[in-house]
Amino acid sequence: MRSFWRYLFHEWFRQVGEALLLAFLVTTFLFTTVGVVGSSMNPTLLNGERVFVPKYETWLVRFGLMQWRRGEVAIVKPPEGTPNAYARFPVLGFPFRAFFIKRIVAVPGDTVSYREGQLYVNGQPVSERHITDFLEFDPKSSLYASDYNYPRVCLRDGQLTSLSTQSRYQVSPADIESDPDYAYLRNTLRMLVPPGEEEKARSQGREYCYTGALKLEPGYYFVMGDNRTPGGSEDSRTFGPVPDTSIAGRANFVWWPPVIQGQLRWRVLPIPEGFKGLQ
């Protein structure tokens, strides 16, 4: 009997345990792969594709030896409480907070806003031909106007009365600070650029709404999906800036499936030209 257990340990438990340990070390410190679910990164990434993520870069960032850059595609865990951020585990059915795949569009210290389909970083319009050359939509359509202006700020007598996100929730500062359901918006509220004198003057005696901007604090990033069609992506326009601890890595290569409809689909994910040279 003792020899049986010794055989079981050496031939099965030990080998399986070593394989699991090796897999854990590789996916934690070297590399992993992530599947694309949904269309939020169209046209750059398609549903069902898998991307290569070098995990060692995540550790280099956490040790302060490198930083994530504007234009990189990141694996992001949205803040707890974010609408639609929960998925269900296959078969078992219990909910979990899923990772999103998004593009980093602004880094710590940047000022960012989004108006009528145009991204602005530090006051500069960003050319996003990697999107606009492939997706057709009318950002000025009145039907979707709130989707294309972020952050939407409302004042009365110079005081902030509400903040609107991409999800079209109009939330008061008091609710954001006190209601646990809106706790994920506290970073957005804290980084909101204060209104200028012109905005304050226009709000005297009435409610005045305008498109503001966020000034990212150290350690925070603003991420967006490439699919800018209405409802195409749930991103920082909904859940606000994300801390660097919520970024699990950078997607740098599409490796699966290798061929779609006879065309080779292996490809790198470079930083788009529009993000290069931003001040």
C-alpha atoms as a PDB file:
ATOM      1  CA  MET A   1       0.000   0.000   0.000  1.00  0.00           C
ATOM      2  CA  ARG A   2       2.828   2.356   0.850  1.00  0.00           C
ATOM      3  CA  SER A   3       4.469   1.676  -2.501  1.00  0.00           C
ATOM      4  CA  PHE A   4       1.170   2.481  -4.217  1.00  0.00           C
ATOM      5  CA  TRP A   5       0.974   5.899  -2.564  1.00  0.00           C
ATOM      6  CA  ARG A   6       4.626   6.531  -3.341  1.00  0.00           C
ATOM      7  CA  TYR A   7       3.983   5.658  -6.973  1.00  0.00           C
ATOM      8  CA  LEU A   8       0.894   7.890  -7.056  1.00  0.00           C
ATOM      9  CA  PHE A   9       2.836  10.800  -5.599  1.00  0.00           C
ATOM     10  CA  HIS A  10       5.863  10.506  -7.854  1.00  0.00           C
ATOM     11  CA  GLU A  11       4.061   9.639 -11.076  1.00  0.00           C
ATOM     12  CA  TRP A  12       0.954  11.802 -10.769  1.00  0.00           C
ATOM     13  CA  PHE A  13       0.687  14.341  -7.963  1.00  0.00           C
ATOM     14  CA  ARG A  14       4.264  15.570  -8.247  1.00  0.00           C
ATOM     15  CA  GLN A  15       4.210  15.874 -12.011  1.00  0.00           C
ATOM     16  CA  VAL A  16       0.835  17.604 -12.096  1.00  0.00           C
ATOM     17  CA  GLY A  17       1.874  19.905  -9.253  1.00  0.00           C
ATOM     18  CA  GLU A  18       5.124  20.831 -10.996  1.00  0.00           C
ATOM     19  CA  ALA A  19       3.274  21.526 -14.246  1.00  0.00           C
ATOM     20  CA  LEU A  20       0.744  23.758 -12.472  1.00  0.00           C
ATOM     21  CA  LEU A  21       3.507  25.610 -10.617  1.00  0.00           C
ATOM     22  CA  LEU A  22       5.430  26.168 -13.841  1.00  0.00           C
ATOM     23  CA  ALA A  23       2.269  27.416 -15.596  1.00  0.00           C
ATOM     24  CA  PHE A  24       1.587  29.806 -12.702  1.00  0.00           C
ATOM     25  CA  LEU A  25       5.132  31.208 -12.793  1.00  0.00           C
ATOM     26  CA  VAL A  26       5.074  31.642 -16.572  1.00  0.00           C
ATOM     27  CA  THR A  27       1.675  33.392 -16.712  1.00  0.00           C
ATOM     28  CA  THR A  28       2.497  35.570 -13.686  1.00  0.00           C
ATOM     29  CA  PHE A  29       6.022  36.677 -14.550  1.00  0.00           C
ATOM     30  CA  LEU A  30       6.715  35.954 -18.247  1.00  0.00           C
ATOM     31  CA  PHE A  31       3.727  36.002 -20.584  1.00  0.00           C
ATOM     32  CA  THR A  32       0.083  35.069 -20.975  1.00  0.00           C
ATOM     33  CA  THR A  33      -2.614  35.268 -23.636  1.00  0.00           C
ATOM     34  CA  VAL A  34      -6.021  36.938 -23.421  1.00  0.00           C
ATOM     35  CA  GLY A  35      -9.098  36.383 -25.556  1.00  0.00           C
ATOM     36  CA  VAL A  36     -11.080  39.252 -27.085  1.00  0.00           C
ATOM     37  CA  VAL A  37     -14.772  39.159 -26.193  1.00  0.00           C
ATOM     38  CA  GLY A  38     -17.141  41.570 -27.893  1.00  0.00           C
ATOM     39  CA  SER A  39     -16.639  44.418 -30.345  1.00  0.00           C
ATOM     40  CA  SER A  40     -15.352  47.277 -28.155  1.00  0.00           C
ATOM     41  CA  MET A  41     -11.932  47.269 -29.878  1.00  0.00           C
ATOM     42  CA  ASN A  42     -13.219  47.066 -33.471  1.00  0.00           C
ATOM     43  CA  PRO A  43     -11.705  47.570 -35.983  1.00  0.00           C
ATOM     44  CA  THR A  44      -8.330  46.870 -34.296  1.00  0.00           C
ATOM     45  CA  LEU A  45      -9.314  43.630 -32.551  1.00  0.00           C
ATOM     46  CA  LEU A  46     -12.134  41.265 -33.442  1.00  0.00           C
ATOM     47  CA  ASN A  47     -14.278  39.067 -31.239  1.00  0.00           C
ATOM     48  CA  GLY A  48     -12.620  35.689 -30.695  1.00  0.00           C
ATOM     49  CA  GLU A  49      -9.051  36.778 -31.382  1.00  0.00           C
ATOM     50  CA  ARG A  50      -6.340  36.161 -28.795  1.00  0.00           C
ATOM     51  CA  VAL A  51      -3.530  38.557 -27.934  1.00  0.00           C
ATOM     52  CA  PHE A  52      -0.076  37.990 -26.477  1.00  0.00           C
ATOM     53  CA  VAL A  53       0.652  39.837 -23.197  1.00  0.00           C
ATOM     54  CA  PRO A  54       4.265  40.052 -21.919  1.00  0.00           C
ATOM     55  CA  LYS A  55       3.702  39.931 -18.142  1.00  0.00           C
ATOM     56  CA  TYR A  56       7.272  40.945 -17.279  1.00  0.00           C
ATOM     57  CA  GLU A  57       6.400  44.477 -18.460  1.00  0.00           C
ATOM     58  CA  THR A  58       3.754  44.692 -15.739  1.00  0.00           C
ATOM     59  CA  TRP A  59       6.389  44.009 -13.087  1.00  0.00           C
ATOM     60  CA  LEU A  60       8.770  46.527 -14.635  1.00  0.00           C
ATOM     61  CA  VAL A  61       6.016  49.154 -14.388  1.00  0.00           C
ATOM     62  CA  ARG A  62       5.239  48.242 -10.776  1.00  0.00           C
ATOM     63  CA  PHE A  63       8.923  48.550  -9.866  1.00  0.00           C
ATOM     64  CA  GLY A  64       9.110  51.957 -11.564  1.00  0.00           C
ATOM     65  CA  LEU A  65      11.457  50.799 -14.343  1.00  0.00           C
ATOM     66  CA  MET A  66       9.063  51.629 -17.218  1.00  0.00           C
ATOM     67  CA  GLN A  67       5.686  53.271 -17.811  1.00  0.00           C
ATOM     68  CA  TRP A  68       2.662  52.525 -19.931  1.00  0.00           C
ATOM     69  CA  ARG A  69       2.471  54.811 -22.946  1.00  0.00           C
ATOM     70  CA  ARG A  70      -0.299  56.592 -24.792  1.00  0.00           C
ATOM     71  CA  GLY A  71      -1.648  54.484 -27.615  1.00  0.00           C
ATOM     72  CA  GLU A  72      -0.809  51.085 -26.131  1.00  0.00           C
ATOM     73  CA  VAL A  73      -3.515  48.412 -25.906  1.00  0.00           C
ATOM     74  CA  ALA A  74      -3.930  47.420 -22.270  1.00  0.00           C
ATOM     75  CA  ILE A  75      -5.617  44.663 -20.292  1.00  0.00           C
ATOM     76  CA  VAL A  76      -7.627  46.552 -17.670  1.00  0.00           C
ATOM     77  CA  LYS A  77      -9.767  45.584 -14.698  1.00  0.00           C
ATOM     78  CA  PRO A  78     -12.506  48.244 -14.315  1.00  0.00           C
ATOM     79  CA  PRO A  79     -13.360  49.626 -10.867  1.00  0.00           C
ATOM     80  CA  GLU A  80     -15.701  47.619  -8.682  1.00  0.00           C
ATOM     81  CA  GLY A  81     -19.304  48.680  -9.201  1.00  0.00           C
ATOM     82  CA  THR A  82     -18.828  49.615 -12.854  1.00  0.00           C
ATOM     83  CA  PRO A  83     -22.009  48.887 -14.855  1.00  0.00           C
ATOM     84  CA  ASN A  84     -21.782  45.758 -17.025  1.00  0.00           C
ATOM     85  CA  ALA A  85     -18.300  44.903 -15.746  1.00  0.00           C
ATOM     86  CA  TYR A  86     -19.335  41.539 -14.318  1.00  0.00           C
ATOM     87  CA  ALA A  87     -19.392  38.253 -16.204  1.00  0.00           C
ATOM     88  CA  ARG A  88     -20.412  34.754 -15.147  1.00  0.00           C
ATOM     89  CA  PHE A  89     -17.968  31.896 -14.833  1.00  0.00           C
ATOM     90  CA  PRO A  90     -18.723  29.129 -17.362  1.00  0.00           C
ATOM     91  CA  VAL A  91     -20.699  26.162 -16.001  1.00  0.00           C
ATOM     92  CA  LEU A  92     -20.370  27.221 -12.338  1.00  0.00           C
ATOM     93  CA  GLY A  93     -22.223  30.474 -12.969  1.00  0.00           C
ATOM     94  CA  PHE A  94     -20.788  32.655 -10.211  1.00  0.00           C
ATOM     95  CA  PRO A  95     -20.120  36.318 -11.126  1.00  0.00           C
ATOM     96  CA  PHE A  96     -16.655  37.802 -11.422  1.00  0.00           C
ATOM     97  CA  ARG A  97     -15.211  41.145 -12.469  1.00  0.00           C
ATOM     98  CA  ALA A  98     -13.840  40.583 -15.950  1.00  0.00           C
ATOM     99  CA  PHE A  99     -10.826  42.199 -17.568  1.00  0.00           C
ATOM    100  CA  PHE A 100     -11.412  44.658 -20.416  1.00  0.00           C
ATOM    101  CA  ILE A 101      -9.161  45.275 -23.419  1.00  0.00           C
ATOM    102  CA  LYS A 102      -8.840  49.014 -24.090  1.00  0.00           C
ATOM    103  CA  ARG A 103      -6.408  51.556 -25.488  1.00  0.00           C
ATOM    104  CA  ILE A 104      -4.520  53.921 -23.180  1.00  0.00           C
ATOM    105  CA  VAL A 105      -5.265  57.413 -24.537  1.00  0.00           C
ATOM    106  CA  ALA A 106      -3.946  59.576 -21.682  1.00  0.00           C
ATOM    107  CA  VAL A 107      -1.282  59.062 -19.015  1.00  0.00           C
ATOM    108  CA  PRO A 108      -0.620  60.593 -15.575  1.00  0.00           C
ATOM    109  CA  GLY A 109      -0.422  64.387 -15.743  1.00  0.00           C
ATOM    110  CA  ASP A 110      -2.463  64.646 -18.959  1.00  0.00           C
ATOM    111  CA  THR A 111      -5.639  66.667 -19.374  1.00  0.00           C
ATOM    112  CA  VAL A 112      -8.200  64.707 -21.388  1.00  0.00           C
ATOM    113  CA  SER A 113     -11.654  65.370 -22.842  1.00  0.00           C
ATOM    114  CA  TYR A 114     -13.822  64.012 -25.659  1.00  0.00           C
ATOM    115  CA  ARG A 115     -16.039  66.294 -27.730  1.00  0.00           C
ATOM    116  CA  GLU A 116     -18.214  65.345 -30.713  1.00  0.00           C
ATOM    117  CA  GLY A 117     -16.134  62.307 -31.582  1.00  0.00           C
ATOM    118  CA  GLN A 118     -12.777  64.055 -31.192  1.00  0.00           C
ATOM    119  CA  LEU A 119     -10.286  63.084 -28.490  1.00  0.00           C
ATOM    120  CA  TYR A 120      -8.292  65.932 -26.931  1.00  0.00           C
ATOM    121  CA  VAL A 121      -5.153  65.367 -24.859  1.00  0.00           C
ATOM    122  CA  ASN A 122      -3.555  68.419 -23.248  1.00  0.00           C
ATOM    123  CA  GLY A 123      -5.703  70.574 -25.493  1.00  0.00           C
ATOM    124  CA  GLN A 124      -4.440  68.939 -28.683  1.00  0.00           C
ATOM    125  CA  PRO A 125      -6.802  67.048 -31.021  1.00  0.00           C
ATOM    126  CA  VAL A 126      -5.517  63.505 -31.503  1.00  0.00           C
ATOM    127  CA  SER A 127      -5.596  62.069 -35.011  1.00  0.00           C
ATOM    128  CA  GLU A 128      -7.087  58.577 -34.745  1.00  0.00           C
ATOM    129  CA  ARG A 129      -6.984  57.400 -38.334  1.00  0.00           C
ATOM    130  CA  HIS A 130      -6.582  53.823 -37.093  1.00  0.00           C
ATOM    131  CA  ILE A 131     -10.284  54.220 -36.182  1.00  0.00           C
ATOM    132  CA  THR A 132     -11.744  56.870 -38.467  1.00  0.00           C
ATOM    133  CA  ASP A 133     -10.422  55.264 -41.667  1.00  0.00           C
ATOM    134  CA  PHE A 134     -12.466  52.136 -40.912  1.00  0.00           C
ATOM    135  CA  LEU A 135     -15.534  53.121 -38.862  1.00  0.00           C
ATOM    136  CA  GLU A 136     -18.272  55.396 -40.143  1.00  0.00           C
ATOM    137  CA  PHE A 137     -20.447  57.263 -37.653  1.00  0.00           C
ATOM    138  CA  ASP A 138     -21.852  60.719 -37.119  1.00  0.00           C
ATOM    139  CA  PRO A 139     -20.627  61.979 -33.718  1.00  0.00           C
ATOM    140  CA  LYS A 140     -22.674  65.174 -34.094  1.00  0.00           C
ATOM    141  CA  SER A 141     -25.977  63.321 -34.313  1.00  0.00           C
ATOM    142  CA  SER A 142     -28.323  64.740 -31.661  1.00  0.00           C
ATOM    143  CA  LEU A 143     -29.468  61.210 -30.854  1.00  0.00           C
ATOM    144  CA  TYR A 144     -26.016  60.286 -29.560  1.00  0.00           C
ATOM    145  CA  ALA A 145     -24.674  63.678 -28.512  1.00  0.00           C
ATOM    146  CA  SER A 146     -24.187  62.666 -24.863  1.00  0.00           C
ATOM    147  CA  ASP A 147     -22.123  59.672 -25.964  1.00  0.00           C
ATOM    148  CA  TYR A 148     -19.606  61.927 -27.663  1.00  0.00           C
ATOM    149  CA  ASN A 149     -19.006  64.525 -24.978  1.00  0.00           C
ATOM    150  CA  TYR A 150     -17.059  63.661 -21.854  1.00  0.00           C
ATOM    151  CA  PRO A 151     -17.119  64.693 -19.107  1.00  0.00           C
ATOM    152  CA  ARG A 152     -20.492  66.427 -19.220  1.00  0.00           C
ATOM    153  CA  VAL A 153     -20.633  68.965 -16.376  1.00  0.00           C
ATOM    154  CA  CYS A 154     -23.621  70.979 -15.135  1.00  0.00           C
ATOM    155  CA  LEU A 155     -23.399  74.070 -12.908  1.00  0.00           C
ATOM    156  CA  ARG A 156     -25.804  76.383 -11.162  1.00  0.00           C
ATOM    157  CA  ASP A 157     -24.588  79.648  -9.646  1.00  0.00           C
ATOM    158  CA  GLY A 158     -21.033  78.476 -10.160  1.00  0.00           C
ATOM    159  CA  GLN A 159     -21.521  75.238  -8.206  1.00  0.00           C
ATOM    160  CA  LEU A 160     -21.374  71.744  -9.646  1.00  0.00           C
ATOM    161  CA  THR A 161     -24.862  70.204  -9.717  1.00  0.00           C
ATOM    162  CA  SER A 162     -24.305  67.022 -11.726  1.00  0.00           C
ATOM    163  CA  LEU A 163     -21.825  64.979 -13.705  1.00  0.00           C
ATOM    164  CA  SER A 164     -22.864  62.842 -16.679  1.00  0.00           C
ATOM    165  CA  THR A 165     -20.938  59.830 -17.931  1.00  0.00           C
ATOM    166  CA  GLN A 166     -21.100  57.864 -21.169  1.00  0.00           C
ATOM    167  CA  SER A 167     -23.732  55.640 -19.588  1.00  0.00           C
ATOM    168  CA  ARG A 168     -25.925  58.790 -19.518  1.00  0.00           C
ATOM    169  CA  TYR A 169     -26.243  58.748 -15.746  1.00  0.00           C
ATOM    170  CA  GLN A 170     -26.608  62.266 -14.396  1.00  0.00           C
ATOM    171  CA  VAL A 171     -25.259  62.065 -10.862  1.00  0.00           C
ATOM    172  CA  SER A 172     -24.924  64.769  -8.235  1.00  0.00           C
ATOM    173  CA  PRO A 173     -21.625  65.247  -6.359  1.00  0.00           C
ATOM    174  CA  ALA A 174     -23.426  64.397  -3.088  1.00  0.00           C
ATOM    175  CA  ASP A 175     -24.568  61.039  -4.471  1.00  0.00           C
ATOM    176  CA  ILE A 176     -21.099  60.240  -5.769  1.00  0.00           C
ATOM    177  CA  GLU A 177     -19.582  60.910  -2.354  1.00  0.00           C
ATOM    178  CA  SER A 178     -22.224  59.131  -0.275  1.00  0.00           C
ATOM    179  CA  ASP A 179     -23.867  56.418  -2.386  1.00  0.00           C
ATOM    180  CA  PRO A 180     -21.851  53.163  -2.671  1.00  0.00           C
ATOM    181  CA  ASP A 181     -23.427  52.515  -6.077  1.00  0.00           C
ATOM    182  CA  TYR A 182     -21.527  55.520  -7.470  1.00  0.00           C
ATOM    183  CA  ALA A 183     -18.253  55.027  -5.597  1.00  0.00           C
ATOM    184  CA  TYR A 184     -16.477  54.180  -8.866  1.00  0.00           C
ATOM    185  CA  LEU A 185     -17.068  57.803  -9.998  1.00  0.00           C
ATOM    186  CA  ARG A 186     -15.146  59.378  -7.109  1.00  0.00           C
ATOM    187  CA  ASN A 187     -11.878  59.396  -9.048  1.00  0.00           C
ATOM    188  CA  THR A 188     -13.639  61.189 -11.903  1.00  0.00           C
ATOM    189  CA  LEU A 189     -15.088  63.790  -9.559  1.00  0.00           C
ATOM    190  CA  ARG A 190     -11.741  64.345  -7.845  1.00  0.00           C
ATOM    191  CA  MET A 191      -9.853  64.861 -11.133  1.00  0.00           C
ATOM    192  CA  LEU A 192     -12.466  67.090 -12.765  1.00  0.00           C
ATOM    193  CA  VAL A 193     -10.924  70.341 -13.985  1.00  0.00           C
ATOM    194  CA  PRO A 194     -12.632  73.202 -12.072  1.00  0.00           C
ATOM    195  CA  PRO A 195     -14.955  75.416 -14.150  1.00  0.00           C
ATOM    196  CA  GLY A 196     -13.541  78.656 -15.507  1.00  0.00           C
ATOM    197  CA  GLU A 197     -14.926  82.122 -14.935  1.00  0.00           C
ATOM    198  CA  GLU A 198     -16.904  82.026 -18.186  1.00  0.00           C
ATOM    199  CA  GLU A 199     -18.694  78.817 -17.190  1.00  0.00           C
ATOM    200  CA  LYS A 200     -19.429  80.184 -13.727  1.00  0.00           C
ATOM    201  CA  ALA A 201     -20.860  83.387 -15.197  1.00  0.00           C
ATOM    202  CA  ARG A 202     -23.143  81.495 -17.574  1.00  0.00           C
ATOM    203  CA  SER A 203     -24.537  79.428 -14.707  1.00  0.00           C
ATOM    204  CA  GLN A 204     -25.764  82.386 -12.665  1.00  0.00           C
ATOM    205  CA  GLY A 205     -29.477  81.966 -11.976  1.00  0.00           C
ATOM    206  CA  ARG A 206     -29.809  78.897 -14.191  1.00  0.00           C
ATOM    207  CA  GLU A 207     -28.331  75.512 -14.897  1.00  0.00           C
ATOM    208  CA  TYR A 208     -25.572  75.555 -17.466  1.00  0.00           C
ATOM    209  CA  CYS A 209     -23.989  72.383 -18.876  1.00  0.00           C
ATOM    210  CA  TYR A 210     -20.772  72.061 -20.850  1.00  0.00           C
ATOM    211  CA  THR A 211     -18.051  69.569 -21.754  1.00  0.00           C
ATOM    212  CA  GLY A 212     -15.277  69.686 -19.195  1.00  0.00           C
ATOM    213  CA  ALA A 213     -11.983  67.857 -18.838  1.00  0.00           C
ATOM    214  CA  LEU A 214     -10.105  65.620 -16.420  1.00  0.00           C
ATOM    215  CA  LYS A 215      -6.584  66.234 -15.127  1.00  0.00           C
ATOM    216  CA  LEU A 216      -5.088  62.815 -14.422  1.00  0.00           C
ATOM    217  CA  GLU A 217      -3.373  62.381 -11.086  1.00  0.00           C
ATOM    218  CA  PRO A 218      -0.080  60.485 -10.724  1.00  0.00           C
ATOM    219  CA  GLY A 219      -0.600  56.758 -11.266  1.00  0.00           C
ATOM    220  CA  TYR A 220      -3.872  57.105 -13.218  1.00  0.00           C
ATOM    221  CA  TYR A 221      -4.622  56.373 -16.873  1.00  0.00           C
ATOM    222  CA  PHE A 222      -7.554  57.096 -19.189  1.00  0.00           C
ATOM    223  CA  VAL A 223      -8.562  54.198 -21.441  1.00  0.00           C
ATOM    224  CA  MET A 224     -10.995  53.959 -24.345  1.00  0.00           C
ATOM    225  CA  GLY A 225     -12.155  51.290 -26.764  1.00  0.00           C
ATOM    226  CA  ASP A 226     -11.451  51.831 -30.465  1.00  0.00           C
ATOM    227  CA  ASN A 227     -15.119  51.240 -31.328  1.00  0.00           C
ATOM    228  CA  ARG A 228     -16.470  54.784 -31.084  1.00  0.00           C
ATOM    229  CA  THR A 229     -19.876  54.014 -32.544  1.00  0.00           C
ATOM    230  CA  PRO A 230     -22.798  54.650 -30.135  1.00  0.00           C
ATOM    231  CA  GLY A 231     -22.608  52.167 -27.258  1.00  0.00           C
ATOM    232  CA  GLY A 232     -19.562  50.572 -28.851  1.00  0.00           C
ATOM    233  CA  SER A 233     -17.332  50.568 -25.791  1.00  0.00           C
ATOM    234  CA  GLU A 234     -17.661  50.810 -22.025  1.00  0.00           C
ATOM    235  CA  ASP A 235     -14.480  52.524 -20.926  1.00  0.00           C
ATOM    236  CA  SER A 236     -13.118  55.431 -18.866  1.00  0.00           C
ATOM    237  CA  ARG A 237     -15.952  57.598 -20.181  1.00  0.00           C
ATOM    238  CA  THR A 238     -18.160  55.382 -18.003  1.00  0.00           C
ATOM    239  CA  PHE A 239     -15.974  54.301 -15.078  1.00  0.00           C
ATOM    240  CA  GLY A 240     -13.374  57.062 -15.018  1.00  0.00           C
ATOM    241  CA  PRO A 241      -9.564  56.921 -14.875  1.00  0.00           C
ATOM    242  CA  VAL A 242      -7.988  53.644 -13.744  1.00  0.00           C
ATOM    243  CA  PRO A 243      -4.967  53.288 -11.431  1.00  0.00           C
ATOM    244  CA  ASP A 244      -1.832  51.597 -12.715  1.00  0.00           C
ATOM    245  CA  THR A 245      -2.543  48.681 -10.365  1.00  0.00           C
ATOM    246  CA  SER A 246      -5.644  47.896 -12.468  1.00  0.00           C
ATOM    247  CA  ILE A 247      -3.611  47.458 -15.655  1.00  0.00           C
ATOM    248  CA  ALA A 248      -2.596  43.806 -15.936  1.00  0.00           C
ATOM    249  CA  GLY A 249      -0.425  44.163 -19.014  1.00  0.00           C
ATOM    250  CA  ARG A 250      -0.033  45.328 -22.590  1.00  0.00           C
ATOM    251  CA  ALA A 251      -1.315  43.451 -25.613  1.00  0.00           C
ATOM    252  CA  ASN A 252       1.380  43.609 -28.288  1.00  0.00           C
ATOM    253  CA  PHE A 253       0.604  40.822 -30.759  1.00  0.00           C
ATOM    254  CA  VAL A 254      -2.420  38.994 -32.176  1.00  0.00           C
ATOM    255  CA  TRP A 255      -1.567  35.318 -32.499  1.00  0.00           C
ATOM    256  CA  TRP A 256      -4.922  33.525 -32.861  1.00  0.00           C
ATOM    257  CA  PRO A 257      -6.543  32.593 -35.140  1.00  0.00           C
ATOM    258  CA  PRO A 258      -3.588  32.605 -37.545  1.00  0.00           C
ATOM    259  CA  VAL A 259      -5.811  32.715 -40.652  1.00  0.00           C
ATOM    260  CA  ILE A 260      -9.322  34.103 -41.281  1.00  0.00           C
ATOM    261  CA  GLN A 261     -10.962  33.629 -44.695  1.00  0.00           C
ATOM    262  CA  GLY A 262      -7.617  32.811 -46.259  1.00  0.00           C
ATOM    263  CA  GLN A 263      -5.892  35.915 -44.880  1.00  0.00           C
ATOM    264  CA  LEU A 264      -3.010  35.805 -42.403  1.00  0.00           C
ATOM    265  CA  ARG A 265      -4.148  37.445 -39.139  1.00  0.00           C
ATOM    266  CA  TRP A 266      -0.906  37.425 -37.165  1.00  0.00           C
ATOM    267  CA  ARG A 267       0.001  41.055 -36.522  1.00  0.00           C
ATOM    268  CA  VAL A 268       1.663  43.374 -34.035  1.00  0.00           C
ATOM    269  CA  LEU A 269      -0.273  46.132 -32.253  1.00  0.00           C
ATOM    270  CA  PRO A 270       1.827  49.284 -32.687  1.00  0.00           C
ATOM    271  CA  ILE A 271       1.167  52.679 -31.160  1.00  0.00           C
ATOM    272  CA  PRO A 272      -0.909  54.662 -33.703  1.00  0.00           C
ATOM    273  CA  GLU A 273       0.848  57.624 -35.292  1.00  0.00           C
ATOM    274  CA  GLY A 274      -1.602  60.125 -33.793  1.00  0.00           C
ATOM    275  CA  PHE A 275      -0.360  59.399 -30.258  1.00  0.00           C
ATOM    276  CA  LYS A 276       3.294  59.883 -31.101  1.00  0.00           C
ATOM    277  CA  GLY A 277       4.765  63.274 -30.317  1.00  0.00           C
ATOM    278  CA  LEU A 278       1.929  64.448 -28.055  1.00  0.00           C
ATOM    279  CA  GLN A 279       3.112  66.953 -25.473  1.00  0.00           C
END
